[in-house]
Amino acid sequence: MNKFLKVALAVALAAVMCVSAVADTAVPSIQQKTAPDVAESVATDAEGNEVAIDTGDIIVTSYEDKDTLAEEDKTSLEEAYEQILSSESLAELEASIPEDHTAAYLFDINVTGDAKAILDAGGSVTVTLEVELGGASDVRVLHNYSGSNWREEPSSVVGTNKLQVTFSTTSPFVITLSNDSTVVVDEPVEGTVIDNGVDVSGVASSSTMPYVIGGVACIVVAGVLLVAANKKKVK
């Protein structure tokens, strides 16, 4: 193998390594995130008694998988997303949400079995969700419980990337994170539609910027190597 082919191979390898390193930092946007897993669940009946329920009774569906929902639930999730996009800030949807919060996760929660029976009878359900919080100092949960009506649901961080949420009705839910979270960024993933400055990407490397920077870096490395190869060839 001559010197030029060796250099060309090194350039190709460097480019692959650069792109791979950048790709490893990429995280899906709000439209592409998988649904949080339900680690634990418990119900409280209308009389205030705690009732054990199966975590399998709690069905969490991500926005990405909205086509698997019943038509009414799918429409509700899509409308919730549009309301987020068209708002000036999340505080416009519910005044208790701080201005600096970003919508990081959007999903539908539905229930079946004993959990459904308890909700139908006026009780509530508390679930512990496993979800990336990025060390946020403040985490809230918004619930689009009816049409354009939103409310903040009781929630608390109960461990590393574990969030406990209590609700008495189902439909779309949004996890909002303060801007000190490593999951929140200022720029959305390419293709995400933003209206009135509301960031709905909600992920730490969801921006295409890492790819741009990484691509430029790879080009620069490749250019340096090729120039070096040409100089050696001239000599």
Protein backbone atom coordinates (compact mmCIF):
# COMPACT_ATOMS: atom_id res chain seq x y z
CA MET A 1 0.00 0.00 0.00
CA ASN A 2 1.53 3.35 -1.04
CA LYS A 3 1.82 6.34 1.27
CA PHE A 4 -1.15 8.18 -0.27
CA LEU A 5 -3.50 5.23 0.25
CA LYS A 6 -2.34 4.92 3.84
CA VAL A 7 -3.08 8.58 4.46
CA ALA A 8 -6.47 8.32 2.74
CA LEU A 9 -7.37 5.36 4.94
CA ALA A 10 -6.33 7.30 8.03
CA VAL A 11 -8.48 10.25 6.92
CA ALA A 12 -11.51 8.00 6.41
CA LEU A 13 -10.99 6.38 9.80
CA ALA A 14 -10.66 9.78 11.50
CA ALA A 15 -13.88 10.98 9.86
CA VAL A 16 -15.79 7.90 10.98
CA MET A 17 -14.49 8.30 14.53
CA CYS A 18 -15.47 11.99 14.57
CA VAL A 19 -19.01 11.33 13.36
CA SER A 20 -19.43 8.40 15.75
CA ALA A 21 -18.30 10.50 18.69
CA VAL A 22 -20.81 13.19 17.82
CA ALA A 23 -23.64 10.73 17.14
CA ASP A 24 -23.18 9.18 20.57
CA THR A 25 -24.26 12.46 22.17
CA ALA A 26 -27.51 12.75 20.23
CA VAL A 27 -30.78 12.33 22.12
CA PRO A 28 -34.29 12.14 20.60
CA SER A 29 -36.54 15.19 20.63
CA ILE A 30 -39.91 15.48 22.40
CA GLN A 31 -41.60 13.88 19.39
CA GLN A 32 -39.19 10.94 19.39
CA LYS A 33 -38.66 10.07 23.05
CA THR A 34 -39.77 6.68 24.28
CA ALA A 35 -42.39 6.55 27.01
CA PRO A 36 -41.17 6.57 30.64
CA ASP A 37 -41.22 3.18 32.33
CA VAL A 38 -43.54 2.70 35.32
CA ALA A 39 -41.39 1.46 38.21
CA GLU A 40 -44.11 1.45 40.89
CA SER A 41 -47.81 2.20 41.21
CA VAL A 42 -50.36 2.48 43.98
CA ALA A 43 -53.94 3.72 44.15
CA THR A 44 -55.99 5.60 46.72
CA ASP A 45 -59.72 5.00 46.74
CA ALA A 46 -62.38 7.69 47.23
CA GLU A 47 -62.35 7.03 50.99
CA GLY A 48 -58.61 7.63 51.23
CA ASN A 49 -57.59 3.99 51.56
CA GLU A 50 -54.41 2.84 49.83
CA VAL A 51 -55.01 0.03 47.35
CA ALA A 52 -52.35 -2.10 45.67
CA ILE A 53 -52.53 -2.13 41.88
CA ASP A 54 -50.47 -3.80 39.18
CA THR A 55 -48.02 -1.58 37.28
CA GLY A 56 -49.35 -3.33 34.18
CA ASP A 57 -52.61 -1.43 34.73
CA ILE A 58 -50.76 1.80 33.82
CA ILE A 59 -50.28 2.28 30.09
CA VAL A 60 -47.86 5.06 29.10
CA THR A 61 -47.65 5.93 25.39
CA SER A 62 -45.09 8.34 23.97
CA TYR A 63 -45.95 11.02 21.41
CA GLU A 64 -43.88 9.09 18.89
CA ASP A 65 -46.19 6.08 19.32
CA LYS A 66 -49.43 8.10 19.22
CA ASP A 67 -50.67 6.12 16.20
CA THR A 68 -51.10 3.10 18.48
CA LEU A 69 -53.69 4.95 20.57
CA ALA A 70 -57.43 5.00 20.13
CA GLU A 71 -58.40 7.85 17.81
CA GLU A 72 -59.75 10.05 20.63
CA ASP A 73 -56.58 9.66 22.72
CA LYS A 74 -54.36 10.24 19.70
CA THR A 75 -56.22 13.46 18.89
CA SER A 76 -55.89 14.65 22.49
CA LEU A 77 -52.13 14.07 22.42
CA GLU A 78 -51.73 15.90 19.12
CA GLU A 79 -53.83 18.82 20.37
CA ALA A 80 -51.76 19.01 23.57
CA TYR A 81 -48.61 19.23 21.45
CA GLU A 82 -50.09 22.00 19.32
CA GLN A 83 -51.10 23.95 22.43
CA ILE A 84 -47.53 23.77 23.70
CA LEU A 85 -46.24 25.05 20.37
CA SER A 86 -48.68 27.94 20.19
CA SER A 87 -48.09 29.19 23.74
CA GLU A 88 -45.70 31.99 24.66
CA SER A 89 -44.44 29.86 27.55
CA LEU A 90 -45.65 26.90 29.59
CA ALA A 91 -46.78 29.37 32.24
CA GLU A 92 -49.45 30.43 29.74
CA LEU A 93 -50.91 26.94 29.92
CA GLU A 94 -50.74 26.81 33.72
CA ALA A 95 -49.65 29.79 35.84
CA SER A 96 -47.87 27.62 38.43
CA ILE A 97 -45.22 26.54 35.89
CA PRO A 98 -42.12 28.81 36.08
CA GLU A 99 -41.25 30.87 33.01
CA ASP A 100 -37.87 29.18 32.55
CA HIS A 101 -39.30 25.66 32.27
CA THR A 102 -39.17 23.62 29.08
CA ALA A 103 -41.49 20.84 27.94
CA ALA A 104 -39.13 17.86 27.98
CA TYR A 105 -41.49 14.87 27.74
CA LEU A 106 -45.00 14.50 26.32
CA PHE A 107 -46.97 11.27 26.64
CA ASP A 108 -50.41 9.77 27.23
CA ILE A 109 -51.31 7.85 30.38
CA ASN A 110 -54.21 5.44 30.34
CA VAL A 111 -55.32 2.88 32.91
CA THR A 112 -57.07 -0.45 32.96
CA GLY A 113 -58.13 -3.10 35.47
CA ASP A 114 -58.21 -2.14 39.16
CA ALA A 115 -56.58 1.23 38.48
CA LYS A 116 -59.40 2.20 36.11
CA ALA A 117 -62.04 1.04 38.56
CA ILE A 118 -60.55 3.21 41.30
CA LEU A 119 -60.32 6.30 39.09
CA ASP A 120 -63.87 5.78 37.86
CA ALA A 121 -65.04 5.67 41.48
CA GLY A 122 -63.36 8.98 42.34
CA GLY A 123 -59.98 7.76 43.57
CA SER A 124 -56.45 8.57 42.41
CA VAL A 125 -53.36 6.75 41.19
CA THR A 126 -49.73 7.46 42.05
CA VAL A 127 -47.00 6.19 39.74
CA THR A 128 -43.22 6.33 39.90
CA LEU A 129 -41.80 6.97 36.45
CA GLU A 130 -38.24 6.26 35.37
CA VAL A 131 -37.27 9.25 33.24
CA GLU A 132 -34.12 11.23 32.50
CA LEU A 133 -34.25 14.48 34.53
CA GLY A 134 -30.72 15.70 33.94
CA GLY A 135 -30.24 16.94 37.49
CA ALA A 136 -32.96 19.59 37.16
CA SER A 137 -33.43 21.62 40.33
CA ASP A 138 -37.15 21.94 39.61
CA VAL A 139 -39.43 19.39 37.94
CA ARG A 140 -43.17 19.82 37.32
CA VAL A 141 -45.90 17.76 35.69
CA LEU A 142 -48.58 19.37 33.53
CA HIS A 143 -51.80 17.55 32.72
CA ASN A 144 -53.98 18.46 29.75
CA TYR A 145 -57.07 17.03 31.44
CA SER A 146 -59.71 18.44 29.09
CA GLY A 147 -59.63 20.37 25.82
CA SER A 148 -57.44 23.43 26.36
CA ASN A 149 -57.55 23.06 30.15
CA TRP A 150 -54.32 22.28 31.96
CA ARG A 151 -53.36 21.81 35.59
CA GLU A 152 -50.22 20.96 37.49
CA GLU A 153 -50.40 17.54 39.11
CA PRO A 154 -48.74 16.68 42.46
CA SER A 155 -45.26 15.32 41.75
CA SER A 156 -41.89 14.84 43.41
CA VAL A 157 -38.45 13.53 42.52
CA VAL A 158 -37.98 10.37 44.59
CA GLY A 159 -34.59 9.22 43.37
CA THR A 160 -32.09 9.60 40.57
CA ASN A 161 -34.21 9.98 37.46
CA LYS A 162 -37.35 8.80 39.26
CA LEU A 163 -40.43 10.98 39.34
CA GLN A 164 -43.58 10.29 41.36
CA VAL A 165 -46.84 11.65 39.94
CA THR A 166 -50.40 11.50 41.30
CA PHE A 167 -53.46 11.92 39.07
CA SER A 168 -57.20 11.35 39.17
CA THR A 169 -57.91 11.46 35.42
CA THR A 170 -55.94 10.30 32.41
CA SER A 171 -54.94 11.83 29.03
CA PRO A 172 -51.83 13.83 27.96
CA PHE A 173 -49.09 14.64 30.48
CA VAL A 174 -46.03 16.86 30.11
CA ILE A 175 -42.91 16.74 32.27
CA THR A 176 -41.34 20.20 32.48
CA LEU A 177 -37.76 20.83 33.59
CA SER A 178 -35.95 23.92 34.80
CA ASN A 179 -33.28 25.27 32.46
CA ASP A 180 -30.40 24.05 34.66
CA SER A 181 -31.17 20.49 33.58
CA THR A 182 -28.69 18.88 31.21
CA VAL A 183 -31.72 17.52 29.36
CA VAL A 184 -32.88 20.99 28.32
CA VAL A 185 -31.34 23.01 25.47
CA ASP A 186 -32.09 26.31 23.79
CA GLU A 187 -32.18 24.96 20.26
CA PRO A 188 -34.53 22.24 18.95
CA VAL A 189 -33.62 19.24 16.88
CA GLU A 190 -33.67 19.86 13.13
CA GLY A 191 -37.21 19.59 11.81
CA THR A 192 -38.87 20.47 15.13
CA VAL A 193 -41.37 23.27 14.59
CA ILE A 194 -41.07 26.09 17.08
CA ASP A 195 -43.67 28.83 17.49
CA ASN A 196 -43.28 31.95 19.62
CA GLY A 197 -39.96 30.79 21.03
CA VAL A 198 -41.24 27.76 22.93
CA ASP A 199 -38.57 25.06 22.95
CA VAL A 200 -40.18 21.64 22.63
CA SER A 201 -37.03 19.68 21.90
CA GLY A 202 -36.20 19.39 25.58
CA VAL A 203 -33.04 17.37 25.26
CA ALA A 204 -29.35 17.97 25.82
CA SER A 205 -27.84 17.28 22.40
CA SER A 206 -31.10 17.22 20.45
CA SER A 207 -29.79 20.26 18.59
CA THR A 208 -28.10 19.60 15.25
CA MET A 209 -25.25 21.85 16.41
CA PRO A 210 -23.10 18.96 17.71
CA TYR A 211 -23.31 17.37 14.26
CA VAL A 212 -22.34 20.63 12.57
CA ILE A 213 -19.39 21.17 14.91
CA GLY A 214 -18.35 17.54 14.63
CA GLY A 215 -18.64 17.62 10.85
CA VAL A 216 -16.51 20.77 10.61
CA ALA A 217 -13.93 19.23 12.93
CA CYS A 218 -13.77 16.11 10.77
CA ILE A 219 -13.33 18.19 7.62
CA VAL A 220 -10.54 20.19 9.22
CA VAL A 221 -8.74 17.00 10.34
CA ALA A 222 -9.16 15.48 6.91
CA GLY A 223 -7.87 18.65 5.25
CA VAL A 224 -4.77 18.79 7.43
CA LEU A 225 -3.94 15.17 6.71
CA LEU A 226 -4.41 15.59 2.96
CA VAL A 227 -2.24 18.71 2.88
CA ALA A 228 0.45 16.85 4.80
CA ALA A 229 0.23 13.98 2.33
CA ASN A 230 0.56 16.28 -0.66
CA LYS A 231 3.61 18.01 0.83
CA LYS A 232 5.33 14.67 1.36
CA LYS A 233 4.48 13.67 -2.19
CA VAL A 234 6.01 16.89 -3.62
CA LYS A 235 9.22 16.37 -1.67
